[in-house]
Amino acid sequence: MFDTLIKNVRIIDGGGGKIRTGDLAILAGRISKIAYQDEGSTHHDWKGREVIQGDGFVLSPGFIDVHTHDDTNVIRSPDMLAKISQGITTVIVGNCGISAAPVTLKGPAPAPMSLLGPDDVFVYPRFSQYRAAVEAAKPSVNVAALVGHTALRGNHMDTLDRLAKSDEIEKMRDQLREALDEGALGLSTGLAYANAYEATTDEIVALAELLAEAGGIYTTHMRTEFAAIIDAMDEAFTVGNRAGVPVVISHLKCAGVENWGRSEEVLRHLEQAGKTRLRGCDCYPYTASSSLLDLKQVNPTLRIDITWSTPHPEAAGKTLSDIASSWGLSLTAAAEKLLPAGAIYHNMSEADVDRIISHPATCIGSDGLPNDPLPHPRLWGAFPRVLSYYCREKKVFTLPQAIHKMTGRSAARYGLDERGLVKEGYWADLVLFNPDTIKDAATFLHPVRTAEGIRAVWVNGQLSYSEGAVQGSGAGRFLCRGTIRAEGFPFGTR
């Protein structure tokens, strides 16, 4: 007797292979048996305590969101409706140099740490304490975590707008080593932000060297995604080469009108670096980014939406140009008056996003900001949008290729052992969806909407989402670093 039997489903295994019809059985949290019609093995007498008629829907591995800022939300809001409702069963936190742990605040959280929540959420001076808090919270999704470089700097430096001293770097190394021993995936940097920008390449290499010893990964929000993007990529690859570690470029994009059309050049550069080392990137399926309001990115050629403002909360939902006009100020002066604030920047071309998202080196990450009052719609809709807009409508890749980018490739890249594939013996993180109707419902005007076409989601074998609602107690677990596999970093022709 199996716990759950899912019958007559079109199975996409997450490895990039063809769609096959069959039945699947879950027992004790794992995929116990799979029977495929083309093998003649669906004539069986399996029985399950719960039987789901798949009706020809697609059953795939649960989606892995490789780029999130859900660090504190998995504890404070463990139902994680924004993620589980779009078929996500695992989130990777600690991106862009900011993480909830290990953190010891000396004052207000340094920007952009505030994206993770108010100061009182930073209560985990050791990585093991954060891990324990996630396990106690029992979120509806699995959680794996990177350690943020800016977080380490804030722990050991009195001011962050300078070079780190040798003794400070050594303290950062000690803390990173401890976190890696306690299960962290690796290190992330956010070098575009002021509180990490003064860090030298040598500082990053000194930390990244520890990743090689532990089998971890280095991810980076580079110093720039604008005109000097190739130089920024070279710095990332230099860190990886000197430290001997895999490198992932976070949310790869060609930002700014003057940068549009450079995606072929950027991807060729990534491919060249990947010929001898493990190199990859992630991408979200939108032509707009979102972060703190940054005066350096204020540009009259781009639409900028304000998502929140501490001194002017009434500005949320308005464009910076409309605000500036109503105040009789320049764009820059209006932006200064709004600070601190959050913004959405419509700064990418559709053709560049198409090219980057379809490249073999790319995994999918939402980069959603769950603490924004009016978040970018990627928080609620990124993964269904890949399957609806980019796969079904634009046909930039096949359905199995799209699923591979969101599951098997991601698990291999980040060392999430026994995840990311529909395979006997693997953990039963699964999503059942209608490939003809799955669609993101979240928009820039109405960003908080659950996706359409998701019938059911299982996390570690437990039904966790169906009928538009979270089901039962959270079945998510904290996932420690496993073995990074080369198939997570493929290169070649599309």
Protein backbone atom coordinates (compact mmCIF):
# COMPACT_ATOMS: atom_id res chain seq x y z
CA MET A 1 0.00 0.00 0.00
CA PHE A 2 1.46 3.31 -1.11
CA ASP A 3 0.77 6.64 0.56
CA THR A 4 -0.20 8.29 -2.73
CA LEU A 5 -0.83 6.94 -6.21
CA ILE A 6 -0.93 9.39 -9.15
CA LYS A 7 -2.35 7.74 -12.26
CA ASN A 8 -2.40 8.54 -15.97
CA VAL A 9 -0.10 11.54 -15.96
CA ARG A 10 2.26 12.89 -18.57
CA ILE A 11 5.58 12.70 -16.74
CA ILE A 12 8.42 15.14 -17.43
CA ASP A 13 11.36 13.83 -15.44
CA GLY A 14 13.36 17.08 -15.16
CA GLY A 15 16.34 15.71 -17.04
CA GLY A 16 15.36 17.21 -20.38
CA GLY A 17 14.00 13.99 -21.89
CA LYS A 18 10.72 13.37 -23.68
CA ILE A 19 7.27 13.39 -22.10
CA ARG A 20 6.08 9.91 -21.13
CA THR A 21 2.68 8.82 -19.85
CA GLY A 22 2.52 6.69 -16.73
CA ASP A 23 1.70 6.20 -13.06
CA LEU A 24 3.72 7.20 -10.00
CA ALA A 25 3.59 5.98 -6.41
CA ILE A 26 4.80 7.80 -3.29
CA LEU A 27 5.82 6.07 -0.06
CA ALA A 28 7.44 7.58 3.05
CA GLY A 29 8.13 10.90 1.34
CA ARG A 30 9.90 9.45 -1.69
CA ILE A 31 9.05 8.39 -5.22
CA SER A 32 8.72 4.64 -4.72
CA LYS A 33 7.62 3.37 -8.13
CA ILE A 34 7.12 4.72 -11.66
CA ALA A 35 5.34 2.75 -14.38
CA TYR A 36 5.46 3.97 -17.99
CA GLN A 37 2.96 3.07 -20.70
CA ASP A 38 5.64 2.79 -23.37
CA GLU A 39 7.28 0.08 -21.31
CA GLY A 40 3.99 -1.75 -20.84
CA SER A 41 4.36 -1.50 -17.07
CA THR A 42 1.14 0.36 -16.26
CA HIS A 43 -0.77 -2.92 -15.98
CA HIS A 44 -0.24 -3.23 -12.24
CA ASP A 45 -2.27 -3.72 -9.09
CA TRP A 46 -0.85 -0.82 -7.09
CA LYS A 47 -3.04 0.58 -4.36
CA GLY A 48 -2.75 3.88 -2.53
CA ARG A 49 -4.27 5.47 0.55
CA GLU A 50 -4.85 8.47 -1.72
CA VAL A 51 -5.39 8.03 -5.46
CA ILE A 52 -5.11 11.00 -7.82
CA GLN A 53 -6.41 10.68 -11.39
CA GLY A 54 -4.00 12.74 -13.43
CA ASP A 55 -6.32 13.04 -16.42
CA GLY A 56 -3.41 13.61 -18.75
CA PHE A 57 -2.02 16.57 -16.79
CA VAL A 58 1.74 16.99 -16.58
CA LEU A 59 3.59 15.75 -13.49
CA SER A 60 7.07 17.20 -13.10
CA PRO A 61 9.61 17.73 -10.33
CA GLY A 62 8.71 20.60 -8.03
CA PHE A 63 10.25 23.84 -9.24
CA ILE A 64 13.46 25.06 -7.60
CA ASP A 65 13.68 28.84 -7.19
CA VAL A 66 17.44 29.35 -7.27
CA HIS A 67 17.34 33.07 -6.56
CA THR A 68 15.14 34.30 -3.73
CA HIS A 69 15.15 36.72 -0.82
CA ASP A 70 12.78 34.63 1.29
CA ASP A 71 15.37 34.27 4.08
CA THR A 72 13.20 35.48 6.94
CA ASN A 73 9.81 34.92 5.31
CA VAL A 74 10.16 31.13 5.40
CA ILE A 75 10.14 31.56 9.20
CA ARG A 76 7.73 34.48 9.62
CA SER A 77 5.22 33.32 6.96
CA PRO A 78 5.86 29.60 6.63
CA ASP A 79 2.86 28.88 4.40
CA MET A 80 4.87 30.58 1.59
CA LEU A 81 1.77 30.91 -0.56
CA ALA A 82 3.52 33.07 -3.16
CA LYS A 83 5.92 30.21 -3.88
CA ILE A 84 4.00 26.98 -3.30
CA SER A 85 1.09 28.30 -5.39
CA GLN A 86 3.31 28.48 -8.48
CA GLY A 87 4.70 24.98 -8.04
CA ILE A 88 7.91 25.92 -6.24
CA THR A 89 8.97 23.27 -3.72
CA THR A 90 12.48 24.56 -2.87
CA VAL A 91 13.83 28.09 -2.42
CA ILE A 92 17.48 29.09 -2.30
CA VAL A 93 17.99 32.08 -0.01
CA GLY A 94 20.99 34.25 0.85
CA ASN A 95 21.46 35.76 -2.61
CA CYS A 96 23.03 39.09 -3.66
CA GLY A 97 25.36 39.21 -0.67
CA ILE A 98 22.53 39.46 1.87
CA SER A 99 21.44 36.67 4.18
CA ALA A 100 19.61 36.26 7.47
CA ALA A 101 22.56 34.39 8.91
CA PRO A 102 25.11 34.60 10.24
CA VAL A 103 24.26 38.16 11.29
CA THR A 104 25.00 40.28 14.36
CA LEU A 105 23.78 43.83 13.88
CA LYS A 106 25.75 46.73 15.34
CA GLY A 107 22.99 49.18 14.44
CA PRO A 108 20.45 49.41 11.63
CA ALA A 109 20.86 46.66 9.05
CA PRO A 110 23.12 47.90 6.24
CA ALA A 111 21.45 48.28 2.84
CA PRO A 112 20.34 46.19 1.06
CA MET A 113 19.92 43.85 4.08
CA SER A 114 16.68 45.73 4.79
CA LEU A 115 15.13 43.89 1.83
CA LEU A 116 14.92 40.85 4.11
CA GLY A 117 12.76 42.62 6.69
CA PRO A 118 13.04 44.98 9.67
CA ASP A 119 16.03 44.94 12.00
CA ASP A 120 14.33 42.68 14.54
CA VAL A 121 14.32 39.71 12.13
CA PHE A 122 18.11 39.44 12.24
CA VAL A 123 18.44 37.17 15.26
CA TYR A 124 20.75 34.42 14.00
CA PRO A 125 24.42 35.10 14.81
CA ARG A 126 25.24 31.52 13.79
CA PHE A 127 24.15 29.74 10.63
CA SER A 128 23.11 26.71 12.70
CA GLN A 129 20.61 28.89 14.59
CA TYR A 130 19.00 29.95 11.33
CA ARG A 131 18.84 26.35 10.17
CA ALA A 132 17.17 25.34 13.43
CA ALA A 133 14.65 28.17 13.12
CA VAL A 134 13.70 27.07 9.61
CA GLU A 135 13.23 23.49 10.77
CA ALA A 136 11.09 24.64 13.71
CA ALA A 137 8.94 26.88 11.48
CA LYS A 138 8.10 23.96 9.15
CA PRO A 139 7.60 26.02 5.99
CA SER A 140 5.62 24.64 3.08
CA VAL A 141 8.76 24.63 0.90
CA ASN A 142 12.29 23.30 1.32
CA VAL A 143 14.99 25.86 2.11
CA ALA A 144 18.67 25.91 1.17
CA ALA A 145 20.90 28.87 2.00
CA LEU A 146 23.91 30.80 0.81
CA VAL A 147 25.93 33.07 3.10
CA GLY A 148 25.90 36.75 2.15
CA HIS A 149 29.18 38.61 1.80
CA THR A 150 27.60 41.93 2.88
CA ALA A 151 26.25 40.17 5.98
CA LEU A 152 29.79 39.02 6.84
CA ARG A 153 31.18 42.50 6.28
CA GLY A 154 28.54 44.00 8.55
CA ASN A 155 29.43 41.52 11.30
CA HIS A 156 33.12 42.43 11.40
CA MET A 157 33.58 45.97 10.06
CA ASP A 158 32.69 49.26 11.71
CA THR A 159 31.97 50.91 8.36
CA LEU A 160 31.44 49.26 5.00
CA ASP A 161 32.46 52.02 2.60
CA ARG A 162 36.12 51.02 2.71
CA LEU A 163 38.52 48.15 2.17
CA ALA A 164 38.43 45.33 4.69
CA LYS A 165 41.54 44.91 6.85
CA SER A 166 43.37 41.61 6.94
CA ASP A 167 42.15 40.75 10.45
CA GLU A 168 38.56 41.54 9.41
CA ILE A 169 38.85 39.27 6.39
CA GLU A 170 40.17 36.52 8.64
CA LYS A 171 37.16 36.87 10.93
CA MET A 172 34.87 36.69 7.91
CA ARG A 173 36.68 33.55 6.79
CA ASP A 174 36.22 31.93 10.18
CA GLN A 175 32.50 32.68 10.15
CA LEU A 176 32.04 31.47 6.58
CA ARG A 177 33.95 28.27 7.34
CA GLU A 178 31.65 27.63 10.31
CA ALA A 179 28.54 28.19 8.17
CA LEU A 180 29.83 25.83 5.48
CA ASP A 181 30.43 23.19 8.14
CA GLU A 182 26.80 23.70 9.21
CA GLY A 183 25.37 23.12 5.74
CA ALA A 184 25.52 26.40 3.79
CA LEU A 185 25.58 26.06 0.00
CA GLY A 186 28.28 28.66 -0.53
CA LEU A 187 28.88 32.40 -0.73
CA SER A 188 26.98 35.17 -2.52
CA THR A 189 28.08 38.72 -3.22
CA GLY A 190 26.20 41.91 -4.09
CA LEU A 191 29.07 44.01 -5.39
CA ALA A 192 26.82 46.55 -7.09
CA TYR A 193 25.61 47.78 -3.70
CA ALA A 194 27.48 50.51 -1.84
CA ASN A 195 28.14 48.40 1.27
CA ALA A 196 30.06 45.81 -0.77
CA TYR A 197 31.36 47.90 -3.66
CA GLU A 198 34.64 48.78 -1.93
CA ALA A 199 35.51 45.13 -1.44
CA THR A 200 38.47 44.14 -3.59
CA THR A 201 38.67 41.06 -5.76
CA ASP A 202 41.33 39.78 -3.34
CA GLU A 203 38.83 40.04 -0.46
CA ILE A 204 36.31 37.95 -2.36
CA VAL A 205 38.94 35.39 -3.37
CA ALA A 206 40.08 35.02 0.25
CA LEU A 207 36.53 33.97 1.15
CA ALA A 208 35.83 31.93 -1.98
CA GLU A 209 38.91 29.77 -1.35
CA LEU A 210 36.99 28.18 1.51
CA LEU A 211 34.28 27.10 -0.92
CA ALA A 212 36.74 24.96 -2.84
CA GLU A 213 37.65 23.09 0.32
CA ALA A 214 34.00 22.50 1.20
CA GLY A 215 32.61 21.84 -2.29
CA GLY A 216 30.50 25.02 -2.27
CA ILE A 217 29.41 27.49 -4.91
CA TYR A 218 30.00 31.22 -5.56
CA THR A 219 27.11 33.35 -6.83
CA THR A 220 27.37 37.04 -7.60
CA HIS A 221 25.25 40.10 -8.23
CA MET A 222 28.07 41.68 -10.18
CA ARG A 223 29.46 45.21 -9.81
CA THR A 224 27.44 46.30 -12.82
CA GLU A 225 24.97 44.99 -15.37
CA PHE A 226 25.28 48.12 -17.50
CA ALA A 227 28.04 49.27 -19.89
CA ALA A 228 30.96 47.62 -18.06
CA ILE A 229 29.23 44.24 -17.78
CA ILE A 230 32.06 42.33 -19.48
CA ASP A 231 34.57 43.69 -16.96
CA ALA A 232 32.23 42.69 -14.15
CA MET A 233 31.93 39.18 -15.58
CA ASP A 234 35.71 38.96 -15.81
CA GLU A 235 35.99 39.78 -12.12
CA ALA A 236 33.51 37.02 -11.28
CA PHE A 237 35.42 34.52 -13.40
CA THR A 238 38.71 35.65 -11.86
CA VAL A 239 37.33 34.87 -8.42
CA GLY A 240 36.24 31.46 -9.61
CA ASN A 241 39.53 30.71 -11.34
CA ARG A 242 41.72 31.79 -8.44
CA ALA A 243 39.59 30.03 -5.85
CA GLY A 244 38.82 27.00 -8.00
CA VAL A 245 35.06 27.12 -7.53
CA PRO A 246 31.89 27.07 -9.67
CA VAL A 247 30.51 30.53 -10.48
CA VAL A 248 26.91 31.59 -11.05
CA ILE A 249 26.09 35.08 -12.29
CA SER A 250 22.87 36.20 -10.63
CA HIS A 251 19.95 37.54 -12.70
CA LEU A 252 22.06 37.98 -15.84
CA LYS A 253 20.79 40.90 -17.91
CA CYS A 254 21.83 43.70 -20.25
CA ALA A 255 20.46 46.64 -18.29
CA GLY A 256 19.87 50.11 -19.71
CA VAL A 257 18.84 51.16 -23.21
CA GLU A 258 22.45 51.76 -24.22
CA ASN A 259 23.20 48.12 -23.33
CA TRP A 260 20.35 46.53 -25.28
CA GLY A 261 21.38 44.02 -27.92
CA ARG A 262 24.56 42.91 -26.15
CA SER A 263 23.21 39.57 -24.92
CA GLU A 264 24.95 37.59 -27.69
CA GLU A 265 28.29 39.12 -26.69
CA VAL A 266 27.62 38.51 -23.00
CA LEU A 267 26.59 34.89 -23.54
CA ARG A 268 29.62 34.20 -25.76
CA HIS A 269 31.78 35.51 -22.93
CA LEU A 270 30.03 33.22 -20.48
CA GLU A 271 30.46 30.24 -22.80
CA GLN A 272 34.15 30.94 -23.27
CA ALA A 273 34.66 31.03 -19.51
CA GLY A 274 32.69 27.81 -19.20
CA LYS A 275 34.90 25.77 -21.51
CA THR A 276 37.28 24.87 -18.71
CA ARG A 277 35.36 25.78 -15.53
CA LEU A 278 31.84 25.40 -14.18
CA ARG A 279 30.11 28.67 -15.06
CA GLY A 280 26.41 29.50 -15.26
CA CYS A 281 23.74 32.11 -14.64
CA ASP A 282 20.16 32.55 -13.55
CA CYS A 283 17.45 34.72 -15.04
CA TYR A 284 13.88 35.81 -14.31
CA PRO A 285 11.26 35.96 -17.10
CA TYR A 286 10.60 39.70 -17.19
CA THR A 287 12.06 42.81 -18.80
CA ALA A 288 11.93 44.76 -15.53
CA SER A 289 14.15 44.48 -12.45
CA SER A 290 13.38 45.45 -8.86
CA SER A 291 15.42 46.56 -5.87
CA LEU A 292 16.03 49.60 -3.72
CA LEU A 293 15.59 52.97 -5.39
CA ASP A 294 19.11 53.80 -6.59
CA LEU A 295 19.99 57.31 -7.72
CA LYS A 296 22.57 55.87 -10.12
CA GLN A 297 19.79 54.10 -12.02
CA VAL A 298 17.51 57.12 -12.38
CA ASN A 299 17.26 57.62 -16.13
CA PRO A 300 14.67 59.57 -18.14
CA THR A 301 14.68 56.91 -20.89
CA LEU A 302 13.29 54.24 -18.56
CA ARG A 303 10.02 53.83 -16.69
CA ILE A 304 10.61 53.51 -12.94
CA ASP A 305 7.76 52.39 -10.66
CA ILE A 306 7.96 53.15 -6.93
CA THR A 307 7.03 50.14 -4.77
CA TRP A 308 7.46 51.79 -1.35
CA SER A 309 8.89 54.89 0.29
CA THR A 310 9.48 55.45 3.98
CA PRO A 311 8.98 59.27 3.98
CA HIS A 312 6.27 59.16 1.28
CA PRO A 313 4.27 55.92 1.48
CA GLU A 314 1.59 57.49 -0.71
CA ALA A 315 4.05 57.27 -3.61
CA ALA A 316 3.81 53.47 -3.82
CA GLY A 317 2.28 52.37 -7.10
CA LYS A 318 3.17 55.56 -8.95
CA THR A 319 5.88 56.16 -11.53
CA LEU A 320 8.86 58.29 -10.61
CA SER A 321 8.16 60.58 -13.57
CA ASP A 322 4.58 61.23 -12.40
CA ILE A 323 5.80 61.91 -8.85
CA ALA A 324 8.50 64.26 -10.09
CA SER A 325 6.00 66.11 -12.28
CA SER A 326 3.49 66.52 -9.45
CA TRP A 327 6.20 67.84 -7.15
CA GLY A 328 7.72 70.10 -9.79
CA LEU A 329 11.12 68.44 -9.34
CA SER A 330 13.67 66.71 -11.53
CA LEU A 331 13.69 62.91 -11.54
CA THR A 332 16.83 62.83 -9.40
CA ALA A 333 15.52 65.37 -6.89
CA ALA A 334 12.24 63.48 -6.58
CA ALA A 335 14.13 60.22 -6.08
CA GLU A 336 16.24 61.80 -3.34
CA LYS A 337 13.08 63.00 -1.60
CA LEU A 338 11.61 59.47 -1.70
CA LEU A 339 14.62 57.70 -0.13
CA PRO A 340 14.71 55.17 1.35
CA ALA A 341 12.45 53.54 -1.18
CA GLY A 342 11.98 50.58 -3.49
CA ALA A 343 11.62 50.60 -7.26
CA ILE A 344 10.88 48.55 -10.36
CA TYR A 345 13.10 49.43 -13.34
CA HIS A 346 11.83 48.65 -16.84
CA ASN A 347 15.36 48.39 -18.14
CA MET A 348 15.71 45.33 -20.42
CA SER A 349 14.86 44.47 -24.01
CA GLU A 350 12.59 41.55 -24.85
CA ALA A 351 15.10 40.11 -27.34
CA ASP A 352 17.89 40.03 -24.76
CA VAL A 353 15.69 38.31 -22.18
CA ASP A 354 14.60 35.74 -24.78
CA ARG A 355 18.20 34.96 -25.63
CA ILE A 356 19.42 34.73 -22.03
CA ILE A 357 16.50 32.71 -20.66
CA SER A 358 16.76 30.14 -23.47
CA HIS A 359 20.52 29.62 -23.14
CA PRO A 360 21.71 26.23 -21.80
CA ALA A 361 23.65 27.94 -18.99
CA THR A 362 20.52 29.52 -17.50
CA CYS A 363 18.46 28.35 -14.55
CA ILE A 364 15.28 30.13 -13.45
CA GLY A 365 15.07 32.28 -10.34
CA SER A 366 12.31 34.68 -9.33
CA ASP A 367 14.40 37.24 -7.41
CA GLY A 368 11.11 38.27 -5.79
CA LEU A 369 11.05 40.68 -2.86
CA PRO A 370 8.42 39.35 -0.43
CA ASN A 371 8.57 42.36 1.90
CA ASP A 372 7.66 44.93 -0.75
CA PRO A 373 4.08 46.24 -0.26
CA LEU A 374 3.66 46.27 -4.06
CA PRO A 375 6.12 43.63 -5.22
CA HIS A 376 7.32 42.93 -8.72
CA PRO A 377 4.93 40.27 -10.15
CA ARG A 378 7.83 37.81 -10.39
CA LEU A 379 7.30 37.05 -6.70
CA TRP A 380 3.98 35.34 -7.48
CA GLY A 381 4.27 34.44 -11.14
CA ALA A 382 7.82 33.80 -12.39
CA PHE A 383 7.66 30.04 -12.93
CA PRO A 384 4.20 29.79 -14.52
CA ARG A 385 5.24 32.70 -16.76
CA VAL A 386 8.19 30.66 -18.05
CA LEU A 387 5.79 27.86 -19.00
CA SER A 388 3.05 30.06 -20.45
CA TYR A 389 4.68 33.08 -22.08
CA TYR A 390 8.16 31.82 -22.94
CA CYS A 391 7.35 28.17 -23.61
CA ARG A 392 3.76 27.92 -24.83
CA GLU A 393 3.41 31.32 -26.53
CA LYS A 394 6.89 32.36 -27.66
CA LYS A 395 8.24 28.80 -28.04
CA VAL A 396 11.80 29.77 -27.08
CA PHE A 397 12.19 26.24 -25.69
CA THR A 398 10.21 23.01 -25.39
CA LEU A 399 8.26 22.09 -22.28
CA PRO A 400 10.83 19.45 -21.19
CA GLN A 401 13.63 22.00 -21.70
CA ALA A 402 11.77 24.58 -19.64
CA ILE A 403 11.17 22.11 -16.82
CA HIS A 404 14.83 21.08 -16.88
CA LYS A 405 15.87 24.71 -16.34
CA MET A 406 13.63 24.88 -13.28
CA THR A 407 14.37 21.47 -11.74
CA GLY A 408 17.09 18.99 -12.72
CA ARG A 409 19.66 21.53 -13.83
CA SER A 410 19.09 23.64 -10.72
CA ALA A 411 19.44 20.68 -8.34
CA ALA A 412 22.67 19.55 -10.02
CA ARG A 413 24.12 23.07 -9.98
CA TYR A 414 23.48 23.72 -6.28
CA GLY A 415 24.14 20.22 -4.96
CA LEU A 416 20.57 19.45 -3.89
CA ASP A 417 20.97 15.70 -3.69
CA GLU A 418 18.02 13.46 -4.63
CA ARG A 419 15.97 16.45 -5.78
CA GLY A 420 15.02 17.90 -9.14
CA LEU A 421 14.13 14.68 -10.98
CA VAL A 422 11.15 12.36 -11.19
CA LYS A 423 13.15 9.28 -10.37
CA GLU A 424 12.60 6.27 -8.16
CA GLY A 425 14.20 6.81 -4.76
CA TYR A 426 14.25 10.59 -5.05
CA TRP A 427 12.28 12.81 -2.68
CA ALA A 428 8.73 13.34 -3.88
CA ASP A 429 8.79 17.08 -4.61
CA LEU A 430 6.24 17.18 -7.41
CA VAL A 431 3.87 19.53 -9.22
CA LEU A 432 0.80 18.50 -11.24
CA PHE A 433 -0.29 21.13 -13.76
CA ASN A 434 -2.23 21.69 -16.96
CA PRO A 435 0.31 22.68 -19.64
CA ASP A 436 -2.43 24.28 -21.74
CA THR A 437 -3.71 26.64 -19.03
CA ILE A 438 -0.85 27.21 -16.62
CA LYS A 439 -0.32 30.95 -16.48
CA ASP A 440 0.92 33.74 -14.25
CA ALA A 441 -1.92 35.96 -13.02
CA ALA A 442 0.24 38.52 -11.21
CA THR A 443 0.75 41.80 -13.07
CA PHE A 444 2.56 45.05 -12.35
CA LEU A 445 -0.79 46.63 -11.54
CA HIS A 446 -2.06 43.65 -9.49
CA PRO A 447 1.09 41.80 -8.35
CA VAL A 448 -0.39 39.63 -5.57
CA ARG A 449 -2.29 36.92 -7.43
CA THR A 450 -1.88 33.16 -7.43
CA ALA A 451 -1.06 31.42 -10.70
CA GLU A 452 -3.57 29.50 -12.80
CA GLY A 453 -3.35 25.88 -13.95
CA ILE A 454 -1.58 24.38 -10.91
CA ARG A 455 -3.64 21.41 -9.72
CA ALA A 456 -1.49 20.02 -6.89
CA VAL A 457 1.96 20.30 -5.31
CA TRP A 458 3.69 17.72 -3.11
CA VAL A 459 6.68 18.49 -0.89
CA ASN A 460 8.58 15.52 0.51
CA GLY A 461 5.62 13.36 -0.43
CA GLN A 462 2.99 15.42 1.38
CA LEU A 463 0.21 17.16 -0.51
CA SER A 464 1.06 20.79 0.22
CA TYR A 465 -1.06 22.81 -2.20
CA SER A 466 -4.29 22.08 -4.08
CA GLU A 467 -7.59 23.73 -4.87
CA GLY A 468 -5.89 27.11 -4.61
CA ALA A 469 -4.86 26.70 -0.96
CA VAL A 470 -1.98 25.49 1.19
CA GLN A 471 -2.75 22.02 2.56
CA GLY A 472 -1.83 20.66 6.01
CA SER A 473 1.21 21.50 8.07
CA GLY A 474 4.42 22.49 6.32
CA ALA A 475 6.40 19.59 4.89
CA GLY A 476 9.46 21.61 3.86
CA ARG A 477 12.91 20.84 5.21
CA PHE A 478 16.23 22.59 5.47
CA LEU A 479 18.51 21.22 2.75
CA CYS A 480 22.22 21.09 3.47
CA ARG A 481 24.89 21.30 0.81
CA GLY A 482 25.28 18.15 -1.25
CA THR A 483 27.41 17.40 -4.30
CA ILE A 484 27.58 19.94 -7.12
CA ARG A 485 27.43 18.12 -10.47
CA ALA A 486 28.83 19.28 -13.80
CA GLU A 487 25.52 18.69 -15.60
CA GLY A 488 24.26 21.79 -13.81
CA PHE A 489 26.60 23.89 -15.99
CA PRO A 490 26.00 22.84 -19.62
CA PHE A 491 27.33 24.74 -22.61
CA GLY A 492 26.85 24.33 -26.33
CA THR A 493 24.35 25.26 -29.01
CA ARG A 494 20.73 25.83 -28.19
